[in-house]
Amino acid sequence: MTAPAFYRLRAPNPDGTTSTAVSVRVDPQRPDPYPVYLAVGGGRRRMHLTPDEAWALWRCLSEAVASLGEPPEHIRTRVAPARR
């Protein structure tokens, strides 16, 4: 059995004093069709996704943010899965 994996990164807020957590949980053993869970912020925005929806979201987001210019420095880090 594969344990759920968590991927996390913090994004600085425009005010420069705080940051926002972005978390994704992937649980291949989840019995329903939504093994991907996306959370942005402290529980304010959450979404369960199918693998196809997650791929579509990734593709749209990657194209959209690429149009904004060079990636910011805070994302130039390896995001490794964690157990929790």
N, C-alpha and C. Protein backbone atom coordinates (compact mmCIF):
# COMPACT_ATOMS: atom_id res chain seq x y z
N MET A 1 0.84 -1.18 0.00
CA MET A 1 0.00 0.00 0.00
C MET A 1 0.89 1.25 0.00
N THR A 2 0.58 2.18 -0.86
CA THR A 2 1.32 3.42 -0.95
C THR A 2 0.69 4.46 -0.03
N ALA A 3 1.48 5.04 0.83
CA ALA A 3 0.98 6.06 1.76
C ALA A 3 0.74 7.37 1.03
N PRO A 4 -0.16 8.20 1.52
CA PRO A 4 -0.36 9.51 0.91
C PRO A 4 0.93 10.32 0.96
N ALA A 5 1.14 11.12 -0.06
CA ALA A 5 2.30 12.02 -0.11
C ALA A 5 1.79 13.46 -0.10
N PHE A 6 2.50 14.32 0.60
CA PHE A 6 2.14 15.72 0.72
C PHE A 6 3.25 16.57 0.10
N TYR A 7 2.85 17.53 -0.70
CA TYR A 7 3.78 18.47 -1.32
C TYR A 7 3.38 19.86 -0.86
N ARG A 8 4.35 20.62 -0.32
CA ARG A 8 4.02 21.93 0.25
C ARG A 8 5.04 22.98 -0.17
N LEU A 9 4.52 24.17 -0.32
CA LEU A 9 5.36 25.33 -0.63
C LEU A 9 4.64 26.55 -0.09
N ARG A 10 5.41 27.52 0.38
CA ARG A 10 4.81 28.76 0.87
C ARG A 10 5.06 29.87 -0.15
N ALA A 11 4.02 30.65 -0.40
CA ALA A 11 4.10 31.76 -1.35
C ALA A 11 4.02 33.07 -0.57
N PRO A 12 4.96 33.98 -0.80
CA PRO A 12 4.89 35.26 -0.09
C PRO A 12 3.67 36.05 -0.53
N ASN A 13 3.04 36.73 0.41
CA ASN A 13 1.92 37.61 0.09
C ASN A 13 2.45 38.95 -0.39
N PRO A 14 1.66 39.68 -1.16
CA PRO A 14 2.13 40.98 -1.67
C PRO A 14 2.53 41.97 -0.58
N ASP A 15 1.95 41.85 0.63
CA ASP A 15 2.31 42.79 1.69
C ASP A 15 3.69 42.53 2.27
N GLY A 16 4.28 41.38 1.95
CA GLY A 16 5.65 41.08 2.38
C GLY A 16 5.79 40.65 3.82
N THR A 17 4.71 40.63 4.59
CA THR A 17 4.83 40.28 6.01
C THR A 17 4.39 38.86 6.32
N THR A 18 3.62 38.26 5.43
CA THR A 18 3.12 36.91 5.68
C THR A 18 3.33 36.05 4.44
N SER A 19 2.92 34.81 4.53
CA SER A 19 2.98 33.94 3.37
C SER A 19 1.75 33.04 3.38
N THR A 20 1.49 32.43 2.24
CA THR A 20 0.34 31.54 2.09
C THR A 20 0.83 30.13 1.81
N ALA A 21 0.31 29.17 2.53
CA ALA A 21 0.67 27.78 2.31
C ALA A 21 -0.10 27.23 1.12
N VAL A 22 0.61 26.50 0.27
CA VAL A 22 -0.01 25.76 -0.83
C VAL A 22 0.36 24.30 -0.61
N SER A 23 -0.65 23.44 -0.50
CA SER A 23 -0.42 22.03 -0.21
C SER A 23 -1.19 21.15 -1.19
N VAL A 24 -0.57 20.06 -1.56
CA VAL A 24 -1.22 19.06 -2.40
C VAL A 24 -0.98 17.70 -1.75
N ARG A 25 -2.06 16.95 -1.60
CA ARG A 25 -1.95 15.58 -1.10
C ARG A 25 -2.31 14.65 -2.24
N VAL A 26 -1.50 13.63 -2.44
CA VAL A 26 -1.80 12.60 -3.43
C VAL A 26 -1.93 11.28 -2.68
N ASP A 27 -3.10 10.66 -2.81
CA ASP A 27 -3.37 9.41 -2.12
C ASP A 27 -3.87 8.38 -3.13
N PRO A 28 -2.95 7.60 -3.73
CA PRO A 28 -3.33 6.63 -4.75
C PRO A 28 -4.28 5.55 -4.25
N GLN A 29 -4.36 5.34 -2.96
CA GLN A 29 -5.22 4.29 -2.39
C GLN A 29 -6.62 4.81 -2.05
N ARG A 30 -6.87 6.08 -2.29
CA ARG A 30 -8.17 6.65 -1.95
C ARG A 30 -9.26 5.93 -2.75
N PRO A 31 -10.34 5.49 -2.09
CA PRO A 31 -11.35 4.69 -2.78
C PRO A 31 -12.25 5.46 -3.74
N ASP A 32 -12.34 6.75 -3.62
CA ASP A 32 -13.17 7.51 -4.55
C ASP A 32 -12.33 8.00 -5.74
N PRO A 33 -12.93 8.65 -6.71
CA PRO A 33 -12.16 9.03 -7.91
C PRO A 33 -11.32 10.30 -7.74
N TYR A 34 -11.16 10.80 -6.51
CA TYR A 34 -10.46 12.07 -6.29
C TYR A 34 -9.21 11.88 -5.42
N PRO A 35 -8.15 11.32 -5.96
CA PRO A 35 -6.96 11.06 -5.14
C PRO A 35 -6.08 12.29 -4.92
N VAL A 36 -6.37 13.40 -5.58
CA VAL A 36 -5.55 14.61 -5.45
C VAL A 36 -6.37 15.65 -4.69
N TYR A 37 -5.73 16.26 -3.70
CA TYR A 37 -6.37 17.26 -2.86
C TYR A 37 -5.49 18.50 -2.86
N LEU A 38 -6.05 19.63 -3.23
CA LEU A 38 -5.33 20.90 -3.31
C LEU A 38 -5.87 21.85 -2.25
N ALA A 39 -4.99 22.46 -1.47
CA ALA A 39 -5.39 23.46 -0.48
C ALA A 39 -4.49 24.68 -0.63
N VAL A 40 -5.11 25.84 -0.68
CA VAL A 40 -4.38 27.10 -0.77
C VAL A 40 -4.80 27.95 0.41
N GLY A 41 -3.85 28.32 1.25
CA GLY A 41 -4.15 29.11 2.43
C GLY A 41 -4.60 28.22 3.58
N GLY A 42 -4.95 28.85 4.66
CA GLY A 42 -5.34 28.14 5.88
C GLY A 42 -6.75 27.59 5.80
N GLY A 43 -7.01 26.71 4.86
CA GLY A 43 -8.31 26.09 4.76
C GLY A 43 -9.35 26.89 4.01
N ARG A 44 -8.95 28.01 3.48
CA ARG A 44 -9.93 28.86 2.79
C ARG A 44 -10.33 28.30 1.43
N ARG A 45 -9.37 27.78 0.70
CA ARG A 45 -9.65 27.29 -0.66
C ARG A 45 -9.15 25.85 -0.76
N ARG A 46 -10.10 24.94 -0.98
CA ARG A 46 -9.76 23.52 -1.05
C ARG A 46 -10.48 22.89 -2.24
N MET A 47 -9.85 21.87 -2.83
CA MET A 47 -10.44 21.22 -3.98
C MET A 47 -9.96 19.79 -4.08
N HIS A 48 -10.89 18.87 -4.28
CA HIS A 48 -10.57 17.48 -4.57
C HIS A 48 -10.57 17.32 -6.08
N LEU A 49 -9.58 16.62 -6.62
CA LEU A 49 -9.43 16.49 -8.07
C LEU A 49 -9.23 15.04 -8.49
N THR A 50 -9.73 14.71 -9.67
CA THR A 50 -9.39 13.44 -10.30
C THR A 50 -7.99 13.62 -10.91
N PRO A 51 -7.30 12.56 -11.25
CA PRO A 51 -6.00 12.72 -11.91
C PRO A 51 -6.10 13.53 -13.20
N ASP A 52 -7.14 13.30 -14.01
CA ASP A 52 -7.28 14.06 -15.25
C ASP A 52 -7.51 15.54 -14.98
N GLU A 53 -8.29 15.86 -13.96
CA GLU A 53 -8.51 17.26 -13.60
C GLU A 53 -7.21 17.90 -13.10
N ALA A 54 -6.44 17.15 -12.31
CA ALA A 54 -5.17 17.67 -11.81
C ALA A 54 -4.21 17.97 -12.96
N TRP A 55 -4.13 17.07 -13.94
CA TRP A 55 -3.27 17.31 -15.10
C TRP A 55 -3.75 18.53 -15.89
N ALA A 56 -5.05 18.66 -16.08
CA ALA A 56 -5.59 19.81 -16.81
C ALA A 56 -5.30 21.11 -16.07
N LEU A 57 -5.46 21.09 -14.74
CA LEU A 57 -5.16 22.27 -13.93
C LEU A 57 -3.69 22.64 -14.06
N TRP A 58 -2.81 21.65 -13.92
CA TRP A 58 -1.38 21.89 -14.04
C TRP A 58 -1.04 22.51 -15.40
N ARG A 59 -1.61 21.97 -16.46
CA ARG A 59 -1.31 22.48 -17.80
C ARG A 59 -1.79 23.92 -17.97
N CYS A 60 -3.01 24.19 -17.57
CA CYS A 60 -3.55 25.56 -17.69
C CYS A 60 -2.77 26.55 -16.82
N LEU A 61 -2.50 26.17 -15.58
CA LEU A 61 -1.73 27.06 -14.70
C LEU A 61 -0.32 27.30 -15.22
N SER A 62 0.33 26.27 -15.71
CA SER A 62 1.71 26.44 -16.18
C SER A 62 1.76 27.39 -17.37
N GLU A 63 0.82 27.28 -18.29
CA GLU A 63 0.79 28.19 -19.43
C GLU A 63 0.43 29.60 -19.00
N ALA A 64 -0.55 29.71 -18.11
CA ALA A 64 -1.01 31.03 -17.67
C ALA A 64 0.08 31.79 -16.92
N VAL A 65 0.73 31.15 -15.95
CA VAL A 65 1.73 31.88 -15.17
C VAL A 65 3.00 32.11 -15.97
N ALA A 66 3.27 31.26 -16.96
CA ALA A 66 4.44 31.50 -17.82
C ALA A 66 4.28 32.80 -18.60
N SER A 67 3.04 33.19 -18.87
CA SER A 67 2.81 34.44 -19.59
C SER A 67 3.09 35.67 -18.74
N LEU A 68 3.28 35.48 -17.43
CA LEU A 68 3.55 36.60 -16.52
C LEU A 68 5.03 36.97 -16.44
N GLY A 69 5.90 36.16 -17.01
CA GLY A 69 7.33 36.44 -16.96
C GLY A 69 8.11 35.34 -16.28
N GLU A 70 9.30 35.67 -15.86
CA GLU A 70 10.19 34.70 -15.22
C GLU A 70 9.63 34.24 -13.87
N PRO A 71 9.88 32.97 -13.51
CA PRO A 71 9.41 32.47 -12.22
C PRO A 71 10.09 33.22 -11.06
N PRO A 72 9.36 33.45 -9.97
CA PRO A 72 9.96 34.11 -8.81
C PRO A 72 10.96 33.18 -8.11
N GLU A 73 11.85 33.76 -7.38
CA GLU A 73 12.92 33.02 -6.71
C GLU A 73 12.39 31.99 -5.70
N HIS A 74 11.28 32.30 -5.01
CA HIS A 74 10.80 31.39 -3.95
C HIS A 74 10.34 30.04 -4.48
N ILE A 75 10.13 29.89 -5.78
CA ILE A 75 9.74 28.57 -6.29
C ILE A 75 10.91 27.79 -6.86
N ARG A 76 12.06 28.38 -6.88
CA ARG A 76 13.25 27.69 -7.41
C ARG A 76 13.84 26.79 -6.34
N THR A 77 13.02 25.87 -5.90
CA THR A 77 13.42 24.92 -4.88
C THR A 77 12.80 23.56 -5.21
N ARG A 78 13.42 22.52 -4.77
CA ARG A 78 12.86 21.18 -4.99
C ARG A 78 11.75 20.96 -3.98
N VAL A 79 10.61 20.50 -4.45
CA VAL A 79 9.49 20.20 -3.57
C VAL A 79 9.41 18.67 -3.47
N ALA A 80 9.87 18.17 -2.36
CA ALA A 80 9.90 16.71 -2.16
C ALA A 80 8.66 16.26 -1.40
N PRO A 81 8.18 15.07 -1.69
CA PRO A 81 7.01 14.58 -0.96
C PRO A 81 7.36 14.29 0.49
N ALA A 82 6.39 14.54 1.35
CA ALA A 82 6.52 14.25 2.78
C ALA A 82 5.39 13.30 3.17
N ARG A 83 5.58 12.58 4.23
CA ARG A 83 4.52 11.67 4.71
C ARG A 83 3.40 12.42 5.37
N ARG A 84 3.66 13.56 5.92
CA ARG A 84 2.64 14.40 6.55
C ARG A 84 3.17 15.76 6.79
